[in-house]
Amino acid sequence: MNELDYHEHVQRSRWLKKALALAVIIFLIIPLTVFFAYFFVSGPAENFKVGEVFEIREGMNVSEIADFLEKEGYIKSASVFKLYDRWERFRGGDESGIKAGRYTFKNEEDIFGVYRRLKNGISGIEDVKVRIMEGDPNFLIAETFEKNKKFKNFSKERFLELAKNKEGYLYPDTYSFSPYVSEETIIKTMEDNFYKKAGKIVDRIEKSNKSLNKIITMASLIEKEAGNAPRSVKKRVSGVLWRRIELGMPLQVDAVFDYIYQKHLSRILFSHLKVDSPYNTYQNKGLPPGPIGNPSISAIEAAMYPTPTKDLFYITGKDGKFYFSRTSAGHYDNISKYRTNYKKSVVEEEDLKNDSFGNQGLEN
């Protein structure tokens, strides 16, 4: 072998060794590294906190989130988490980032599963269903949330403070909220639902010469007076109440007293009727200054489109039906026919005899 051939042989040997080394790296070392990274770095953390709730705060960046997750024992490597985030952003072009909120895991997850859950905002926390009844005023809504112990941080006082100008506009419905929902989110969700459900009729009201506040106020009275009645009855009740306003008569609606006293009154007494309040429809003529509860669509429609009538009175009989009349004589005749226990169950006997608040009597 001459010297030239020898050098070529040496060069070829070196090339083969490099190629072999490269093959070992590609087909052995890299797979082993990936294997090691997956099972020993990106696999589930040893003390993974299954069932515990943690919070990703608003404004935290990926680096802070990764460090937090590693410190709390949800991932093994903050560095791998950050690298995976960079890869996902590069691969998908999604710059939305990880969603703030509270999370929990029912099972152990590897680092990729943790990342995907946080990226998609899947909290793992079951929502709590809550039913808000038609006509419920804000103070009753607050009590409903307060009594449901599944809501962790709810403050009745804060809710009422934030919702004080929203009476009538928090739509009664069945809602699902996180146990950690804020009072602001509850109010916004219910108000948004109002404009979603009542949007069409609100548009018609605003295009008419009628005041939205007055229509919603009247609707709240109708809801409390005739909430379970058919739509046709609600419209007829609306006709009576609007006619009393037209004639300058006090509305004498008993439903306002729950709102005035901020609690349910099982009996309306003569002493209640004397309360000094702008919402007292026995002492003041016209509508109250604002809604006394949160009405349904049917009540809003009844307030907007009352049935024209000459009736001035109505009662609810023991059979649940409504009985209307034009005169006080007809009104008391209906009372004697359909509510024989009226005097004993609603007001003191002497108060009814006095009848000092007009011909309608002390309960509609």
Protein backbone atom coordinates (compact mmCIF):
# COMPACT_ATOMS: atom_id res chain seq x y z
CA MET A 1 0.00 0.00 0.00
CA ASN A 2 1.55 3.27 -1.08
CA GLU A 3 1.44 6.40 1.03
CA LEU A 4 -1.50 7.89 -0.89
CA ASP A 5 -3.61 4.80 -0.47
CA TYR A 6 -2.71 4.70 3.19
CA HIS A 7 -3.93 8.29 3.76
CA GLU A 8 -7.15 7.57 1.90
CA HIS A 9 -7.65 4.49 4.06
CA VAL A 10 -7.11 6.51 7.22
CA GLN A 11 -9.51 9.22 6.03
CA ARG A 12 -12.11 6.61 5.14
CA SER A 13 -11.77 4.99 8.56
CA ARG A 14 -12.18 8.32 10.30
CA TRP A 15 -15.27 9.09 8.22
CA LEU A 16 -16.77 5.69 9.02
CA LYS A 17 -16.11 6.21 12.73
CA LYS A 18 -17.79 9.64 12.59
CA ALA A 19 -20.73 8.22 10.66
CA LEU A 20 -21.04 5.41 13.19
CA ALA A 21 -20.85 7.86 16.08
CA LEU A 22 -23.53 10.02 14.41
CA ALA A 23 -25.72 6.97 13.88
CA VAL A 24 -25.33 6.03 17.55
CA ILE A 25 -26.35 9.57 18.56
CA ILE A 26 -29.33 9.61 16.22
CA PHE A 27 -30.65 6.12 16.78
CA LEU A 28 -29.59 5.44 20.35
CA ILE A 29 -28.57 8.42 22.44
CA ILE A 30 -31.32 10.80 21.30
CA PRO A 31 -34.12 8.22 21.81
CA LEU A 32 -32.65 7.35 25.21
CA THR A 33 -32.52 11.04 26.10
CA VAL A 34 -36.13 11.52 25.02
CA PHE A 35 -37.08 8.39 26.95
CA PHE A 36 -35.27 9.70 30.03
CA ALA A 37 -36.82 13.17 29.67
CA TYR A 38 -40.32 11.76 29.34
CA PHE A 39 -40.25 9.28 32.17
CA PHE A 40 -37.93 11.06 34.56
CA VAL A 41 -38.53 14.74 33.84
CA SER A 42 -41.86 15.20 32.08
CA GLY A 43 -43.72 12.31 33.69
CA PRO A 44 -46.07 12.84 36.66
CA ALA A 45 -44.43 14.39 39.72
CA GLU A 46 -43.80 12.04 42.62
CA ASN A 47 -46.05 13.91 45.08
CA PHE A 48 -48.66 15.07 42.58
CA LYS A 49 -51.45 16.83 44.53
CA VAL A 50 -54.56 15.05 43.29
CA GLY A 51 -57.81 16.73 44.36
CA GLU A 52 -56.29 19.95 45.67
CA VAL A 53 -57.23 23.33 44.21
CA PHE A 54 -54.57 25.78 43.07
CA GLU A 55 -54.77 29.15 41.36
CA ILE A 56 -53.00 30.59 38.35
CA ARG A 57 -53.26 34.30 39.04
CA GLU A 58 -54.06 36.90 36.43
CA GLY A 59 -50.88 38.41 34.98
CA MET A 60 -48.53 35.47 35.71
CA ASN A 61 -46.17 34.74 32.82
CA VAL A 62 -45.14 31.26 31.64
CA SER A 63 -41.89 31.34 33.58
CA GLU A 64 -43.68 32.23 36.83
CA ILE A 65 -46.33 29.58 36.19
CA ALA A 66 -43.72 26.90 35.48
CA ASP A 67 -41.75 27.74 38.64
CA PHE A 68 -44.97 27.72 40.67
CA LEU A 69 -46.05 24.32 39.31
CA GLU A 70 -42.64 22.80 40.01
CA LYS A 71 -42.56 24.24 43.54
CA GLU A 72 -46.09 22.98 44.29
CA GLY A 73 -45.30 19.50 42.96
CA TYR A 74 -47.45 19.39 39.83
CA ILE A 75 -44.52 19.04 37.41
CA LYS A 76 -40.94 17.80 37.72
CA SER A 77 -39.21 20.38 35.55
CA ALA A 78 -40.07 24.03 35.07
CA SER A 79 -37.50 24.15 32.23
CA VAL A 80 -39.22 21.38 30.26
CA PHE A 81 -42.58 23.11 30.81
CA LYS A 82 -41.22 26.37 29.40
CA LEU A 83 -39.58 24.64 26.45
CA TYR A 84 -42.82 22.84 25.64
CA ASP A 85 -44.69 26.15 25.78
CA ARG A 86 -42.23 27.64 23.29
CA TRP A 87 -42.65 24.65 21.00
CA GLU A 88 -46.43 24.84 21.14
CA ARG A 89 -46.40 28.55 20.35
CA PHE A 90 -44.00 28.00 17.44
CA ARG A 91 -45.90 24.98 16.11
CA GLY A 92 -49.39 26.44 16.38
CA GLY A 93 -48.78 30.15 16.28
CA ASP A 94 -51.06 30.57 19.32
CA GLU A 95 -50.00 33.48 21.50
CA SER A 96 -53.00 33.38 23.84
CA GLY A 97 -51.02 31.87 26.70
CA ILE A 98 -52.13 29.93 29.74
CA LYS A 99 -55.50 30.90 31.21
CA ALA A 100 -55.70 32.28 34.73
CA GLY A 101 -58.10 30.65 37.17
CA ARG A 102 -58.41 27.86 39.71
CA TYR A 103 -57.65 24.27 38.77
CA THR A 104 -57.74 20.81 40.23
CA PHE A 105 -56.68 17.36 38.96
CA LYS A 106 -58.61 14.18 39.72
CA ASN A 107 -55.73 12.05 38.42
CA GLU A 108 -51.99 12.45 38.02
CA GLU A 109 -50.94 14.10 34.76
CA ASP A 110 -47.60 14.30 32.96
CA ILE A 111 -46.15 17.69 32.15
CA PHE A 112 -47.86 17.77 28.75
CA GLY A 113 -51.25 16.97 30.26
CA VAL A 114 -50.83 19.70 32.87
CA TYR A 115 -49.85 22.18 30.16
CA ARG A 116 -52.82 21.33 27.91
CA ARG A 117 -55.30 21.64 30.78
CA LEU A 118 -54.00 25.08 31.73
CA LYS A 119 -53.71 26.19 28.11
CA ASN A 120 -57.35 25.27 27.41
CA GLY A 121 -58.63 26.60 30.73
CA ILE A 122 -60.12 23.24 31.78
CA SER A 123 -60.37 23.80 35.51
CA GLY A 124 -61.55 20.34 36.56
CA ILE A 125 -63.71 22.05 39.19
CA GLU A 126 -67.40 21.17 38.96
CA ASP A 127 -69.75 24.12 38.57
CA VAL A 128 -72.53 24.71 41.07
CA LYS A 129 -76.08 25.06 39.75
CA VAL A 130 -78.27 27.72 41.32
CA ARG A 131 -81.90 28.56 40.55
CA ILE A 132 -83.01 32.19 40.80
CA MET A 133 -86.78 32.41 40.91
CA GLU A 134 -88.87 34.86 38.90
CA GLY A 135 -89.45 38.04 40.86
CA ASP A 136 -86.65 37.45 43.38
CA PRO A 137 -85.23 40.78 44.56
CA ASN A 138 -81.49 41.23 44.88
CA PHE A 139 -81.49 40.59 48.62
CA LEU A 140 -83.05 37.15 48.05
CA ILE A 141 -80.55 36.38 45.28
CA ALA A 142 -77.76 37.25 47.69
CA GLU A 143 -79.27 34.97 50.34
CA THR A 144 -79.56 32.13 47.81
CA PHE A 145 -75.84 32.28 47.08
CA GLU A 146 -74.91 32.80 50.72
CA LYS A 147 -76.89 29.76 51.90
CA ASN A 148 -75.28 27.53 49.27
CA LYS A 149 -72.10 26.53 51.08
CA LYS A 150 -70.54 25.27 47.84
CA PHE A 151 -69.72 28.88 46.99
CA LYS A 152 -66.43 29.42 48.80
CA ASN A 153 -65.85 33.17 48.81
CA PHE A 154 -69.29 34.72 48.29
CA SER A 155 -70.05 37.90 50.23
CA LYS A 156 -73.69 38.93 50.55
CA GLU A 157 -72.71 42.46 51.52
CA ARG A 158 -70.38 42.90 48.56
CA PHE A 159 -72.96 41.47 46.14
CA LEU A 160 -75.66 43.87 47.34
CA GLU A 161 -73.28 46.82 47.15
CA LEU A 162 -72.28 46.00 43.57
CA ALA A 163 -75.84 45.17 42.48
CA LYS A 164 -77.63 48.11 44.11
CA ASN A 165 -78.31 49.73 40.72
CA LYS A 166 -79.09 46.44 38.97
CA GLU A 167 -82.44 45.62 40.63
CA GLY A 168 -84.82 44.40 37.93
CA TYR A 169 -82.02 43.64 35.46
CA LEU A 170 -80.60 40.40 36.92
CA TYR A 171 -82.53 37.83 34.95
CA PRO A 172 -84.14 34.97 36.92
CA ASP A 173 -82.86 31.67 35.52
CA THR A 174 -80.88 28.52 36.34
CA TYR A 175 -77.16 29.28 36.33
CA SER A 176 -73.95 27.28 36.66
CA PHE A 177 -71.05 28.99 38.38
CA SER A 178 -67.65 27.97 39.66
CA PRO A 179 -67.56 27.56 43.46
CA TYR A 180 -64.99 30.36 43.41
CA VAL A 181 -67.01 32.75 41.26
CA SER A 182 -66.75 36.44 42.13
CA GLU A 183 -69.70 38.67 42.90
CA GLU A 184 -68.81 40.77 39.85
CA THR A 185 -69.01 37.73 37.55
CA ILE A 186 -72.38 36.65 38.98
CA ILE A 187 -73.85 40.11 38.44
CA LYS A 188 -72.40 40.49 34.95
CA THR A 189 -73.60 37.02 33.90
CA MET A 190 -77.14 37.68 35.14
CA GLU A 191 -77.28 41.16 33.62
CA ASP A 192 -75.95 39.89 30.28
CA ASN A 193 -78.63 37.18 30.40
CA PHE A 194 -81.29 39.84 30.95
CA TYR A 195 -80.35 41.68 27.77
CA LYS A 196 -79.98 38.39 25.91
CA LYS A 197 -83.43 37.11 26.92
CA ALA A 198 -85.26 40.45 27.02
CA GLY A 199 -83.30 42.18 24.26
CA LYS A 200 -86.13 42.30 21.71
CA ILE A 201 -88.72 43.78 24.05
CA VAL A 202 -86.17 46.17 25.56
CA ASP A 203 -85.51 47.45 22.02
CA ARG A 204 -89.26 47.97 21.53
CA ILE A 205 -89.54 49.82 24.85
CA GLU A 206 -86.61 52.09 24.05
CA LYS A 207 -88.07 52.88 20.61
CA SER A 208 -91.43 53.78 22.18
CA ASN A 209 -92.21 56.82 24.29
CA LYS A 210 -92.17 54.71 27.45
CA SER A 211 -89.48 54.63 30.12
CA LEU A 212 -87.55 51.36 30.44
CA ASN A 213 -87.20 51.88 34.19
CA LYS A 214 -90.95 52.38 34.59
CA ILE A 215 -91.78 49.29 32.52
CA ILE A 216 -89.34 47.12 34.47
CA THR A 217 -90.67 48.57 37.73
CA MET A 218 -94.24 47.75 36.75
CA ALA A 219 -93.14 44.30 35.57
CA SER A 220 -91.57 43.63 38.98
CA LEU A 221 -94.91 44.46 40.65
CA ILE A 222 -96.81 42.23 38.23
CA GLU A 223 -94.33 39.38 38.79
CA LYS A 224 -94.84 39.50 42.55
CA GLU A 225 -98.60 39.91 42.28
CA ALA A 226 -99.31 37.36 39.55
CA GLY A 227 -96.10 35.44 38.93
CA ASN A 228 -97.73 32.03 38.63
CA ALA A 229 -100.71 33.22 36.63
CA PRO A 230 -101.11 32.79 32.84
CA ARG A 231 -99.79 35.54 30.58
CA SER A 232 -103.34 36.76 29.89
CA VAL A 233 -103.95 37.30 33.62
CA LYS A 234 -100.67 39.16 34.03
CA LYS A 235 -101.68 41.50 31.21
CA ARG A 236 -105.04 42.07 32.88
CA VAL A 237 -103.39 42.82 36.24
CA SER A 238 -101.14 45.24 34.37
CA GLY A 239 -104.23 46.93 32.93
CA VAL A 240 -105.67 47.44 36.43
CA LEU A 241 -102.45 48.90 37.83
CA TRP A 242 -101.86 51.26 34.91
CA ARG A 243 -105.51 52.41 35.11
CA ARG A 244 -105.17 53.19 38.83
CA ILE A 245 -102.12 55.31 38.03
CA GLU A 246 -104.04 57.05 35.24
CA LEU A 247 -106.86 57.92 37.65
CA GLY A 248 -104.50 59.10 40.38
CA MET A 249 -105.29 56.20 42.73
CA PRO A 250 -102.61 54.60 44.91
CA LEU A 251 -101.59 51.17 43.63
CA GLN A 252 -101.88 49.55 47.08
CA VAL A 253 -99.70 46.62 46.06
CA ASP A 254 -98.78 44.50 49.06
CA ALA A 255 -95.75 42.94 47.36
CA VAL A 256 -93.66 46.07 48.00
CA PHE A 257 -93.45 45.41 51.74
CA ASP A 258 -91.11 42.43 51.40
CA TYR A 259 -88.80 44.73 49.48
CA ILE A 260 -89.14 47.59 51.95
CA TYR A 261 -88.38 45.36 54.95
CA GLN A 262 -85.85 43.21 53.01
CA LYS A 263 -87.46 39.99 54.25
CA HIS A 264 -90.53 37.87 53.59
CA LEU A 265 -93.61 39.00 55.55
CA SER A 266 -96.15 36.23 56.03
CA ARG A 267 -98.80 38.78 57.00
CA ILE A 268 -99.28 42.38 55.97
CA LEU A 269 -100.42 44.35 59.03
CA PHE A 270 -101.84 47.82 59.33
CA SER A 271 -98.58 48.92 60.97
CA HIS A 272 -96.65 47.88 57.84
CA LEU A 273 -98.82 50.15 55.70
CA LYS A 274 -97.66 53.21 57.64
CA VAL A 275 -93.97 52.72 56.92
CA ASP A 276 -92.29 55.84 55.56
CA SER A 277 -90.78 54.67 52.29
CA PRO A 278 -90.94 55.87 48.68
CA TYR A 279 -91.76 52.24 47.82
CA ASN A 280 -94.92 52.27 49.97
CA THR A 281 -97.73 52.08 47.39
CA TYR A 282 -100.34 52.82 50.05
CA GLN A 283 -98.76 56.11 51.12
CA ASN A 284 -97.59 57.21 47.66
CA LYS A 285 -99.34 57.41 44.32
CA GLY A 286 -97.77 56.18 41.10
CA LEU A 287 -95.00 53.66 40.63
CA PRO A 288 -92.25 53.08 43.18
CA PRO A 289 -88.94 54.74 42.26
CA GLY A 290 -87.53 51.46 40.92
CA PRO A 291 -88.10 47.71 40.56
CA ILE A 292 -88.80 45.61 43.65
CA GLY A 293 -87.47 42.41 42.08
CA ASN A 294 -86.24 40.82 38.89
CA PRO A 295 -89.13 40.02 36.53
CA SER A 296 -89.54 37.42 33.78
CA ILE A 297 -90.12 38.14 30.09
CA SER A 298 -93.86 37.50 30.44
CA ALA A 299 -94.15 40.11 33.20
CA ILE A 300 -92.17 42.65 31.15
CA GLU A 301 -94.41 42.02 28.15
CA ALA A 302 -97.50 42.40 30.37
CA ALA A 303 -96.19 45.73 31.67
CA MET A 304 -95.53 46.92 28.13
CA TYR A 305 -98.76 45.60 26.62
CA PRO A 306 -101.50 45.73 29.29
CA THR A 307 -105.01 44.58 28.55
CA PRO A 308 -107.25 47.69 28.38
CA THR A 309 -109.79 47.48 31.21
CA LYS A 310 -112.13 49.51 33.39
CA ASP A 311 -111.45 47.21 36.34
CA LEU A 312 -109.82 48.83 39.35
CA PHE A 313 -109.54 45.90 41.76
CA TYR A 314 -108.47 42.26 41.84
CA ILE A 315 -107.94 39.53 44.36
CA THR A 316 -106.48 36.05 44.29
CA GLY A 317 -109.01 33.52 45.54
CA LYS A 318 -108.32 30.50 47.71
CA ASP A 319 -108.56 28.49 44.49
CA GLY A 320 -105.60 30.42 43.04
CA LYS A 321 -107.72 32.20 40.42
CA PHE A 322 -107.87 35.97 39.93
CA TYR A 323 -111.16 37.83 40.36
CA PHE A 324 -111.51 41.35 38.98
CA SER A 325 -114.05 44.08 39.70
CA ARG A 326 -114.76 47.70 38.81
CA THR A 327 -116.24 48.87 42.09
CA SER A 328 -115.41 48.58 45.76
CA ALA A 329 -118.73 46.79 46.30
CA GLY A 330 -117.78 44.18 43.72
CA HIS A 331 -114.31 43.94 45.26
CA TYR A 332 -115.62 43.14 48.74
CA ASP A 333 -118.18 40.80 47.26
CA ASN A 334 -115.30 38.86 45.65
CA ILE A 335 -113.49 38.82 48.98
CA SER A 336 -116.48 37.33 50.77
CA LYS A 337 -117.04 34.75 48.02
CA TYR A 338 -113.52 33.61 47.30
CA ARG A 339 -111.54 34.38 50.42
CA THR A 340 -113.76 33.69 53.39
CA ASN A 341 -110.79 33.72 55.80
CA TYR A 342 -109.47 37.04 54.47
CA LYS A 343 -109.89 39.10 57.67
CA LYS A 344 -108.26 36.60 60.00
CA SER A 345 -105.34 35.50 57.87
CA VAL A 346 -104.18 38.77 56.36
CA VAL A 347 -105.01 41.80 58.51
CA GLU A 348 -106.43 42.58 61.92
CA GLU A 349 -110.23 42.70 61.94
CA GLU A 350 -110.43 46.33 63.03
CA ASP A 351 -108.00 47.42 60.28
CA LEU A 352 -110.24 46.05 57.54
CA LYS A 353 -113.30 47.71 59.07
CA ASN A 354 -111.44 51.01 59.13
CA ASP A 355 -110.60 50.72 55.40
CA SER A 356 -108.70 54.01 55.61
CA PHE A 357 -106.59 53.35 52.51
CA GLY A 358 -109.22 53.47 49.81
CA ASN A 359 -111.68 51.08 48.27
CA GLN A 360 -109.21 48.40 47.23
CA GLY A 361 -108.75 47.06 50.74
CA LEU A 362 -105.52 45.99 52.36
CA GLU A 363 -104.55 43.20 49.98
CA ASN A 364 -105.00 42.89 46.24
